[in-house]
Structures are given as C-alpha cells and as structure tokens.
C-alpha cells in the first residue's frame, strides 16, 4: 500500500502593496476627520509650549530660544502618539474584533506581506502628520537650517523602531486593557523624560541613563540637530544604528507574533 502525503501548496506571492492599498482606500473615506489634529493641534502646541512656556525661559537653551529648541521634541512627541495609536487598537482589532487579518491571510496573503503592508500605512499616516507639523513650525520660523529636510527620513526610521515591537505586543495581548497600560507606563514616561521638554542632562544620573535607552531620545537628538543646524549630542551613526536595531528586532517579533496567531 502506497502512503499518500499531502502538502499544502505554496502561497502565491502577493505584494504588501495590495495591503497598503486596502488601508489607503479606507483612509480616503476618513482622512477629513484628522484634518483638525493634523494642522490645528500642532499650531496650538507650538503656541502653548513654544511661545507660552518659552516666554518664561529668558535665557533659552543651547544658545537658542526655547521655541526653536522645543519644536523638534514636540514634533517627535506628536509622531509617537500617532504611531502608537495606529499600532495598538487597530492591530488588536485585526485579531479580536474586525478579524481583518484572518481574512487577509485567507486571501491568500503571506504573513510578512500582511505585516509589511500595515506597517507601511502607519508610516504613511505618521509622515502626513509630520509634514503638517513642519509646515506649521516653518511658518513660525522655527526651522533654522536647511538640514531640517533630514527630519523626515529620521522620522521614518524612528516610526519603524517604535511600531514594529508595538505590533508584536498588540498581536500578543489577550485584552485591550494591556494597550492602556502601554500608554500609561511606557508612552507617557517616554514622552516626559526623553529630552522633549527639557534637556536630559538635568535629570539625576540614574534616570538619565534610562532616558538614553529610549528610542525617542535618539530621534529627538537627531531632529533637534537637524532643525537647529548643530551637531547632535551623540554620534549620528550611533543614533541611526540604535534605531535600526529596534526596527529589525521589532520586525522579527512582529512577524513571529502574527504567524503565531494566523498560521494553524
């Protein structure tokens, strides 16, 4: 008797572009809802912190006014909020509520294409928010160097460094309560103690070392150097390699988490 073994046929290669198109099609119907936050929120933030709080910082920081100094930090803090929002509940919903990932995997799409397509959409959302913020701050004359154009590629790398491990986390947690914990005990402290509102050097030594581990501090240091036309506190190559390491490790973890949920 001849034993017959069955093998599942290999999945056809479907580019991640098709997943990105799906999210862009949905976003085309909802983009107007984010118009206020894209332009007016940066305006209010710059006026409130840069001009309001800055009026009490007479001597400025690093030889520049507080407005010029804080703009890159506010930009990255806003980017972090958008990136985390787009990488938590939408990912969790894809497995628990809408279950869109299961439909995509049955399409068929490969796990890597599903992850890459959704990551690309989050990067797109972040870039639109970043460009809007830069346009607002440019109107205030807060971009003092032509090197400010380097902010956008840094933002892309920083976004990938943050959202890839968050994708893995959101795909692994059993309830959305864990996502709230992420905001409260990771995103909020990172925003407050990563050089956004005041120099990290003013922190106690122990907290300062923790702040240096934050990807946000590395991105803020790079973007502040670019917008002010000055050298960063740390090595440019070191900053980029550190953010790239977060992105690569996060990508591996995200693919593994998605595969664990989708492949039976």
C-alpha atoms as a PDB file:
ATOM      1  CA  UNK A   1       0.000   0.000   0.000  1.00  0.00           C
ATOM      2  CA  UNK A   2       1.440   3.337  -1.045  1.00  0.00           C
ATOM      3  CA  UNK A   3       1.259   6.098   1.529  1.00  0.00           C
ATOM      4  CA  UNK A   4      -0.014   9.347   0.164  1.00  0.00           C
ATOM      5  CA  UNK A   5       1.270  12.528   1.745  1.00  0.00           C
ATOM      6  CA  UNK A   6      -0.422  15.830   1.184  1.00  0.00           C
ATOM      7  CA  UNK A   7       1.432  19.078   1.122  1.00  0.00           C
ATOM      8  CA  UNK A   8      -0.186  22.451   1.371  1.00  0.00           C
ATOM      9  CA  UNK A   9       0.563  24.337  -1.839  1.00  0.00           C
ATOM     10  CA  UNK A  10       2.855  27.287  -1.509  1.00  0.00           C
ATOM     11  CA  UNK A  11       1.063  30.579  -1.162  1.00  0.00           C
ATOM     12  CA  UNK A  12       1.331  32.830  -4.204  1.00  0.00           C
ATOM     13  CA  UNK A  13       3.381  35.939  -3.784  1.00  0.00           C
ATOM     14  CA  UNK A  14       1.008  38.880  -3.211  1.00  0.00           C
ATOM     15  CA  UNK A  15       2.875  42.137  -2.665  1.00  0.00           C
ATOM     16  CA  UNK A  16       2.482  44.058   0.546  1.00  0.00           C
ATOM     17  CA  UNK A  17       1.454  46.942  -1.706  1.00  0.00           C
ATOM     18  CA  UNK A  18      -2.005  45.404  -2.008  1.00  0.00           C
ATOM     19  CA  UNK A  19      -2.402  45.515   1.785  1.00  0.00           C
ATOM     20  CA  UNK A  20      -1.301  49.145   1.827  1.00  0.00           C
ATOM     21  CA  UNK A  21      -3.850  49.963  -0.896  1.00  0.00           C
ATOM     22  CA  UNK A  22      -6.585  48.433   1.265  1.00  0.00           C
ATOM     23  CA  UNK A  23      -5.744  50.723   4.188  1.00  0.00           C
ATOM     24  CA  UNK A  24      -5.354  53.750   1.923  1.00  0.00           C
ATOM     25  CA  UNK A  25      -8.773  53.070   0.422  1.00  0.00           C
ATOM     26  CA  UNK A  26     -10.310  53.054   3.877  1.00  0.00           C
ATOM     27  CA  UNK A  27      -8.364  56.150   4.873  1.00  0.00           C
ATOM     28  CA  UNK A  28      -9.684  58.024   1.835  1.00  0.00           C
ATOM     29  CA  UNK A  29     -13.106  57.934   3.479  1.00  0.00           C
ATOM     30  CA  UNK A  30     -11.920  59.109   6.910  1.00  0.00           C
ATOM     31  CA  UNK A  31      -8.998  61.495   6.344  1.00  0.00           C
ATOM     32  CA  UNK A  32     -11.132  64.599   6.876  1.00  0.00           C
ATOM     33  CA  UNK A  33     -11.699  63.569  10.494  1.00  0.00           C
ATOM     34  CA  UNK A  34      -7.986  64.009  11.177  1.00  0.00           C
ATOM     35  CA  UNK A  35      -7.656  67.361   9.419  1.00  0.00           C
ATOM     36  CA  UNK A  36      -8.106  69.332  12.643  1.00  0.00           C
ATOM     37  CA  UNK A  37      -5.493  67.382  14.566  1.00  0.00           C
ATOM     38  CA  UNK A  38      -3.055  67.454  11.641  1.00  0.00           C
ATOM     39  CA  UNK A  39      -2.821  71.250  11.427  1.00  0.00           C
ATOM     40  CA  UNK A  40      -4.511  72.929  14.368  1.00  0.00           C
ATOM     41  CA  UNK A  41      -3.138  70.676  17.106  1.00  0.00           C
ATOM     42  CA  UNK A  42       0.487  71.417  16.103  1.00  0.00           C
ATOM     43  CA  UNK A  43      -0.421  75.112  15.970  1.00  0.00           C
ATOM     44  CA  UNK A  44      -1.872  75.040  19.481  1.00  0.00           C
ATOM     45  CA  UNK A  45       1.079  73.006  20.750  1.00  0.00           C
ATOM     46  CA  UNK A  46       3.686  75.369  19.336  1.00  0.00           C
ATOM     47  CA  UNK A  47       1.852  78.427  20.621  1.00  0.00           C
ATOM     48  CA  UNK A  48       1.216  76.884  24.049  1.00  0.00           C
ATOM     49  CA  UNK A  49       4.643  75.392  24.741  1.00  0.00           C
ATOM     50  CA  UNK A  50       6.966  77.260  22.408  1.00  0.00           C
ATOM     51  CA  UNK A  51       5.589  80.757  22.934  1.00  0.00           C
ATOM     52  CA  UNK A  52       3.675  80.382  26.212  1.00  0.00           C
ATOM     53  CA  UNK A  53       6.139  78.388  28.296  1.00  0.00           C
ATOM     54  CA  UNK A  54       9.042  79.774  26.289  1.00  0.00           C
ATOM     55  CA  UNK A  55       8.266  83.296  27.474  1.00  0.00           C
ATOM     56  CA  UNK A  56       9.367  82.199  30.963  1.00  0.00           C
ATOM     57  CA  UNK A  57      12.671  80.752  29.725  1.00  0.00           C
ATOM     58  CA  UNK A  58      14.515  84.016  29.184  1.00  0.00           C
ATOM     59  CA  UNK A  59      17.978  82.612  28.536  1.00  0.00           C
ATOM     60  CA  UNK A  60      16.807  79.916  26.118  1.00  0.00           C
ATOM     61  CA  UNK A  61      18.588  76.575  25.755  1.00  0.00           C
ATOM     62  CA  UNK A  62      21.790  75.694  23.894  1.00  0.00           C
ATOM     63  CA  UNK A  63      22.064  79.292  22.741  1.00  0.00           C
ATOM     64  CA  UNK A  64      18.670  79.405  21.002  1.00  0.00           C
ATOM     65  CA  UNK A  65      15.192  80.427  22.080  1.00  0.00           C
ATOM     66  CA  UNK A  66      13.025  77.858  23.810  1.00  0.00           C
ATOM     67  CA  UNK A  67      10.618  77.857  20.844  1.00  0.00           C
ATOM     68  CA  UNK A  68      13.343  76.760  18.436  1.00  0.00           C
ATOM     69  CA  UNK A  69      14.712  74.241  20.925  1.00  0.00           C
ATOM     70  CA  UNK A  70      11.413  72.545  21.767  1.00  0.00           C
ATOM     71  CA  UNK A  71       9.925  72.251  18.267  1.00  0.00           C
ATOM     72  CA  UNK A  72      11.783  69.018  17.321  1.00  0.00           C
ATOM     73  CA  UNK A  73      10.784  67.431  20.627  1.00  0.00           C
ATOM     74  CA  UNK A  74       7.138  68.405  20.169  1.00  0.00           C
ATOM     75  CA  UNK A  75       7.257  67.021  16.636  1.00  0.00           C
ATOM     76  CA  UNK A  76       8.602  63.651  17.782  1.00  0.00           C
ATOM     77  CA  UNK A  77       6.225  63.511  20.754  1.00  0.00           C
ATOM     78  CA  UNK A  78       3.267  64.060  18.415  1.00  0.00           C
ATOM     79  CA  UNK A  79       4.634  61.481  15.990  1.00  0.00           C
ATOM     80  CA  UNK A  80       4.931  58.991  18.833  1.00  0.00           C
ATOM     81  CA  UNK A  81       1.282  59.480  19.763  1.00  0.00           C
ATOM     82  CA  UNK A  82       0.100  58.914  16.178  1.00  0.00           C
ATOM     83  CA  UNK A  83       2.359  55.886  15.727  1.00  0.00           C
ATOM     84  CA  UNK A  84       1.230  54.224  18.951  1.00  0.00           C
ATOM     85  CA  UNK A  85      -2.459  54.911  18.322  1.00  0.00           C
ATOM     86  CA  UNK A  86      -2.204  53.366  14.847  1.00  0.00           C
ATOM     87  CA  UNK A  87      -0.236  50.356  16.143  1.00  0.00           C
ATOM     88  CA  UNK A  88      -2.288  49.306  19.142  1.00  0.00           C
ATOM     89  CA  UNK A  89      -6.074  49.202  18.833  1.00  0.00           C
ATOM     90  CA  UNK A  90      -6.162  48.723  15.013  1.00  0.00           C
ATOM     91  CA  UNK A  91      -3.779  45.755  15.320  1.00  0.00           C
ATOM     92  CA  UNK A  92      -5.654  44.324  18.287  1.00  0.00           C
ATOM     93  CA  UNK A  93      -8.909  44.759  16.367  1.00  0.00           C
ATOM     94  CA  UNK A  94      -7.470  42.901  13.396  1.00  0.00           C
ATOM     95  CA  UNK A  95      -7.283  39.792  15.564  1.00  0.00           C
ATOM     96  CA  UNK A  96     -10.062  40.235  18.120  1.00  0.00           C
ATOM     97  CA  UNK A  97     -12.815  42.476  16.750  1.00  0.00           C
ATOM     98  CA  UNK A  98     -12.829  43.008  12.978  1.00  0.00           C
ATOM     99  CA  UNK A  99     -10.566  39.946  12.421  1.00  0.00           C
ATOM    100  CA  UNK A 100      -9.393  41.512   9.173  1.00  0.00           C
ATOM    101  CA  UNK A 101      -6.021  39.773   9.391  1.00  0.00           C
ATOM    102  CA  UNK A 102      -7.666  36.361   9.152  1.00  0.00           C
ATOM    103  CA  UNK A 103      -9.467  37.478   6.011  1.00  0.00           C
ATOM    104  CA  UNK A 104      -6.235  38.792   4.530  1.00  0.00           C
ATOM    105  CA  UNK A 105      -4.408  35.567   5.313  1.00  0.00           C
ATOM    106  CA  UNK A 106      -7.191  33.615   3.604  1.00  0.00           C
ATOM    107  CA  UNK A 107      -6.949  35.863   0.513  1.00  0.00           C
ATOM    108  CA  UNK A 108      -4.233  34.460   0.412  1.00  0.00           C
ATOM    109  CA  UNK A 109      -1.531  36.795   1.678  1.00  0.00           C
ATOM    110  CA  UNK A 110       1.693  35.851   3.384  1.00  0.00           C
ATOM    111  CA  UNK A 111       2.238  36.863   6.989  1.00  0.00           C
ATOM    112  CA  UNK A 112       5.158  39.082   6.044  1.00  0.00           C
ATOM    113  CA  UNK A 113       3.072  40.920   3.452  1.00  0.00           C
ATOM    114  CA  UNK A 114       0.234  41.495   5.946  1.00  0.00           C
ATOM    115  CA  UNK A 115       2.632  42.954   8.496  1.00  0.00           C
ATOM    116  CA  UNK A 116       4.618  44.994   5.965  1.00  0.00           C
ATOM    117  CA  UNK A 117       1.506  46.458   4.349  1.00  0.00           C
ATOM    118  CA  UNK A 118       0.041  47.609   7.640  1.00  0.00           C
ATOM    119  CA  UNK A 119       3.412  48.974   8.786  1.00  0.00           C
ATOM    120  CA  UNK A 120       3.667  50.949   5.544  1.00  0.00           C
ATOM    121  CA  UNK A 121       0.269  52.511   6.170  1.00  0.00           C
ATOM    122  CA  UNK A 122       1.256  53.582   9.695  1.00  0.00           C
ATOM    123  CA  UNK A 123       4.428  55.148   8.290  1.00  0.00           C
ATOM    124  CA  UNK A 124       2.276  56.992   5.739  1.00  0.00           C
ATOM    125  CA  UNK A 125      -0.004  58.303   8.499  1.00  0.00           C
ATOM    126  CA  UNK A 126       2.971  59.449  10.531  1.00  0.00           C
ATOM    127  CA  UNK A 127       4.569  61.206   7.554  1.00  0.00           C
ATOM    128  CA  UNK A 128       1.390  63.146   6.768  1.00  0.00           C
ATOM    129  CA  UNK A 129       1.228  64.304  10.398  1.00  0.00           C
ATOM    130  CA  UNK A 130       4.936  65.179  10.370  1.00  0.00           C
ATOM    131  CA  UNK A 131       4.709  67.215   7.174  1.00  0.00           C
ATOM    132  CA  UNK A 132       1.731  69.138   8.547  1.00  0.00           C
ATOM    133  CA  UNK A 133       3.658  69.872  11.758  1.00  0.00           C
ATOM    134  CA  UNK A 134       6.732  71.018   9.835  1.00  0.00           C
ATOM    135  CA  UNK A 135       4.641  73.360   7.695  1.00  0.00           C
ATOM    136  CA  UNK A 136       3.150  74.925  10.810  1.00  0.00           C
ATOM    137  CA  UNK A 137       6.509  75.337  12.539  1.00  0.00           C
ATOM    138  CA  UNK A 138       8.113  76.685   9.364  1.00  0.00           C
ATOM    139  CA  UNK A 139       5.508  79.460   9.441  1.00  0.00           C
ATOM    140  CA  UNK A 140       6.903  80.428  12.864  1.00  0.00           C
ATOM    141  CA  UNK A 141      10.460  80.432  11.500  1.00  0.00           C
ATOM    142  CA  UNK A 142      11.393  77.592  13.864  1.00  0.00           C
ATOM    143  CA  UNK A 143      13.332  75.617  11.229  1.00  0.00           C
ATOM    144  CA  UNK A 144      16.703  77.341  11.284  1.00  0.00           C
ATOM    145  CA  UNK A 145      18.682  75.091   8.945  1.00  0.00           C
ATOM    146  CA  UNK A 146      18.225  73.519   5.518  1.00  0.00           C
ATOM    147  CA  UNK A 147      19.220  70.251   7.237  1.00  0.00           C
ATOM    148  CA  UNK A 148      15.624  70.192   8.509  1.00  0.00           C
ATOM    149  CA  UNK A 149      14.794  68.103   5.415  1.00  0.00           C
ATOM    150  CA  UNK A 150      16.700  65.251   7.117  1.00  0.00           C
ATOM    151  CA  UNK A 151      13.973  65.142   9.746  1.00  0.00           C
ATOM    152  CA  UNK A 152      11.623  63.112   7.516  1.00  0.00           C
ATOM    153  CA  UNK A 153      13.895  60.064   6.983  1.00  0.00           C
ATOM    154  CA  UNK A 154      14.747  60.113  10.695  1.00  0.00           C
ATOM    155  CA  UNK A 155      11.018  60.091  11.456  1.00  0.00           C
ATOM    156  CA  UNK A 156      10.516  57.072   9.189  1.00  0.00           C
ATOM    157  CA  UNK A 157      13.268  55.149  10.971  1.00  0.00           C
ATOM    158  CA  UNK A 158      12.022  56.212  14.405  1.00  0.00           C
ATOM    159  CA  UNK A 159       8.468  55.199  13.481  1.00  0.00           C
ATOM    160  CA  UNK A 160       9.592  51.733  12.432  1.00  0.00           C
ATOM    161  CA  UNK A 161      11.671  51.429  15.602  1.00  0.00           C
ATOM    162  CA  UNK A 162       8.560  52.098  17.678  1.00  0.00           C
ATOM    163  CA  UNK A 163       5.708  50.445  15.799  1.00  0.00           C
ATOM    164  CA  UNK A 164       7.315  47.099  14.986  1.00  0.00           C
ATOM    165  CA  UNK A 165       7.635  45.985  18.633  1.00  0.00           C
ATOM    166  CA  UNK A 166       4.233  47.548  19.393  1.00  0.00           C
ATOM    167  CA  UNK A 167       2.713  45.492  16.555  1.00  0.00           C
ATOM    168  CA  UNK A 168       4.170  42.407  18.224  1.00  0.00           C
ATOM    169  CA  UNK A 169       2.806  43.477  21.603  1.00  0.00           C
ATOM    170  CA  UNK A 170      -0.675  44.314  20.280  1.00  0.00           C
ATOM    171  CA  UNK A 171      -0.853  40.995  18.436  1.00  0.00           C
ATOM    172  CA  UNK A 172       0.014  39.053  21.591  1.00  0.00           C
ATOM    173  CA  UNK A 173      -2.066  40.583  24.401  1.00  0.00           C
ATOM    174  CA  UNK A 174      -5.380  38.919  25.334  1.00  0.00           C
ATOM    175  CA  UNK A 175      -7.348  42.100  26.173  1.00  0.00           C
ATOM    176  CA  UNK A 176      -7.262  45.751  25.199  1.00  0.00           C
ATOM    177  CA  UNK A 177      -6.563  46.664  28.825  1.00  0.00           C
ATOM    178  CA  UNK A 178      -2.919  45.875  28.164  1.00  0.00           C
ATOM    179  CA  UNK A 179      -2.872  48.568  25.479  1.00  0.00           C
ATOM    180  CA  UNK A 180      -3.973  51.166  28.016  1.00  0.00           C
ATOM    181  CA  UNK A 181      -1.170  50.011  30.300  1.00  0.00           C
ATOM    182  CA  UNK A 182       1.282  50.534  27.436  1.00  0.00           C
ATOM    183  CA  UNK A 183       0.189  54.157  27.072  1.00  0.00           C
ATOM    184  CA  UNK A 184       0.309  54.829  30.791  1.00  0.00           C
ATOM    185  CA  UNK A 185       3.574  53.152  31.761  1.00  0.00           C
ATOM    186  CA  UNK A 186       5.628  53.340  28.569  1.00  0.00           C
ATOM    187  CA  UNK A 187       4.483  56.073  26.182  1.00  0.00           C
ATOM    188  CA  UNK A 188       3.780  58.766  28.790  1.00  0.00           C
ATOM    189  CA  UNK A 189       7.077  58.379  30.737  1.00  0.00           C
ATOM    190  CA  UNK A 190       8.995  58.200  27.466  1.00  0.00           C
ATOM    191  CA  UNK A 191       7.423  61.461  26.329  1.00  0.00           C
ATOM    192  CA  UNK A 192       8.178  63.248  29.592  1.00  0.00           C
ATOM    193  CA  UNK A 193      11.762  62.079  30.129  1.00  0.00           C
ATOM    194  CA  UNK A 194      13.379  61.837  26.678  1.00  0.00           C
ATOM    195  CA  UNK A 195      14.524  65.389  26.114  1.00  0.00           C
ATOM    196  CA  UNK A 196      11.290  66.676  24.618  1.00  0.00           C
ATOM    197  CA  UNK A 197      10.559  69.468  27.117  1.00  0.00           C
ATOM    198  CA  UNK A 198      13.898  69.850  28.907  1.00  0.00           C
ATOM    199  CA  UNK A 199      17.473  68.563  28.480  1.00  0.00           C
ATOM    200  CA  UNK A 200      18.069  65.016  29.639  1.00  0.00           C
ATOM    201  CA  UNK A 201      21.241  66.238  31.364  1.00  0.00           C
ATOM    202  CA  UNK A 202      19.103  67.911  34.023  1.00  0.00           C
ATOM    203  CA  UNK A 203      17.835  64.509  35.200  1.00  0.00           C
ATOM    204  CA  UNK A 204      19.516  62.544  38.024  1.00  0.00           C
ATOM    205  CA  UNK A 205      22.240  60.222  36.778  1.00  0.00           C
ATOM    206  CA  UNK A 206      20.185  57.033  37.099  1.00  0.00           C
ATOM    207  CA  UNK A 207      17.185  58.425  35.230  1.00  0.00           C
ATOM    208  CA  UNK A 208      19.477  59.961  32.655  1.00  0.00           C
ATOM    209  CA  UNK A 209      20.861  56.539  31.719  1.00  0.00           C
ATOM    210  CA  UNK A 210      17.319  55.193  31.366  1.00  0.00           C
ATOM    211  CA  UNK A 211      16.407  58.137  29.143  1.00  0.00           C
ATOM    212  CA  UNK A 212      19.352  57.342  26.864  1.00  0.00           C
ATOM    213  CA  UNK A 213      17.835  53.899  26.266  1.00  0.00           C
ATOM    214  CA  UNK A 214      14.656  55.450  24.882  1.00  0.00           C
ATOM    215  CA  UNK A 215      14.394  55.485  21.065  1.00  0.00           C
ATOM    216  CA  UNK A 216      12.584  58.806  21.415  1.00  0.00           C
ATOM    217  CA  UNK A 217      15.680  60.495  22.873  1.00  0.00           C
ATOM    218  CA  UNK A 218      17.804  59.335  19.948  1.00  0.00           C
ATOM    219  CA  UNK A 219      15.276  60.623  17.421  1.00  0.00           C
ATOM    220  CA  UNK A 220      14.838  63.930  19.261  1.00  0.00           C
ATOM    221  CA  UNK A 221      18.591  64.484  19.406  1.00  0.00           C
ATOM    222  CA  UNK A 222      18.925  63.850  15.668  1.00  0.00           C
ATOM    223  CA  UNK A 223      15.966  66.034  14.691  1.00  0.00           C
ATOM    224  CA  UNK A 224      16.987  68.863  17.027  1.00  0.00           C
ATOM    225  CA  UNK A 225      20.453  68.867  15.496  1.00  0.00           C
ATOM    226  CA  UNK A 226      18.914  68.962  12.005  1.00  0.00           C
ATOM    227  CA  UNK A 227      16.453  71.798  12.650  1.00  0.00           C
ATOM    228  CA  UNK A 228      18.998  73.909  14.558  1.00  0.00           C
ATOM    229  CA  UNK A 229      21.936  73.161  12.252  1.00  0.00           C
ATOM    230  CA  UNK A 230      24.152  71.902  15.057  1.00  0.00           C
ATOM    231  CA  UNK A 231      25.943  68.675  15.972  1.00  0.00           C
ATOM    232  CA  UNK A 232      23.911  66.121  17.963  1.00  0.00           C
ATOM    233  CA  UNK A 233      24.972  65.171  21.461  1.00  0.00           C
ATOM    234  CA  UNK A 234      25.680  61.616  20.379  1.00  0.00           C
ATOM    235  CA  UNK A 235      27.116  60.076  17.218  1.00  0.00           C
ATOM    236  CA  UNK A 236      24.824  60.319  14.197  1.00  0.00           C
ATOM    237  CA  UNK A 237      25.786  56.799  13.130  1.00  0.00           C
ATOM    238  CA  UNK A 238      25.216  55.563  16.685  1.00  0.00           C
ATOM    239  CA  UNK A 239      21.738  57.093  16.738  1.00  0.00           C
ATOM    240  CA  UNK A 240      20.812  55.539  13.398  1.00  0.00           C
ATOM    241  CA  UNK A 241      22.183  52.109  14.279  1.00  0.00           C
ATOM    242  CA  UNK A 242      20.339  52.117  17.594  1.00  0.00           C
ATOM    243  CA  UNK A 243      17.006  52.983  15.949  1.00  0.00           C
ATOM    244  CA  UNK A 244      17.646  50.462  13.177  1.00  0.00           C
ATOM    245  CA  UNK A 245      18.313  47.734  15.759  1.00  0.00           C
ATOM    246  CA  UNK A 246      14.934  48.426  17.385  1.00  0.00           C
ATOM    247  CA  UNK A 247      13.251  48.266  13.964  1.00  0.00           C
ATOM    248  CA  UNK A 248      14.909  44.975  12.970  1.00  0.00           C
ATOM    249  CA  UNK A 249      14.234  43.225  16.280  1.00  0.00           C
ATOM    250  CA  UNK A 250      10.682  44.576  16.290  1.00  0.00           C
ATOM    251  CA  UNK A 251      10.106  43.300  12.751  1.00  0.00           C
ATOM    252  CA  UNK A 252      11.207  39.799  13.733  1.00  0.00           C
ATOM    253  CA  UNK A 253       8.967  39.847  16.815  1.00  0.00           C
ATOM    254  CA  UNK A 254       6.002  41.226  14.875  1.00  0.00           C
ATOM    255  CA  UNK A 255       6.213  38.557  12.180  1.00  0.00           C
ATOM    256  CA  UNK A 256       6.534  35.867  14.817  1.00  0.00           C
ATOM    257  CA  UNK A 257       3.527  37.166  16.759  1.00  0.00           C
ATOM    258  CA  UNK A 258       1.374  37.440  13.636  1.00  0.00           C
ATOM    259  CA  UNK A 259       2.403  33.992  12.449  1.00  0.00           C
ATOM    260  CA  UNK A 260       1.547  32.503  15.821  1.00  0.00           C
ATOM    261  CA  UNK A 261      -1.983  33.917  15.550  1.00  0.00           C
ATOM    262  CA  UNK A 262      -2.643  33.306  11.866  1.00  0.00           C
ATOM    263  CA  UNK A 263      -0.925  30.047  10.949  1.00  0.00           C
ATOM    264  CA  UNK A 264      -2.694  26.989  12.321  1.00  0.00           C
END
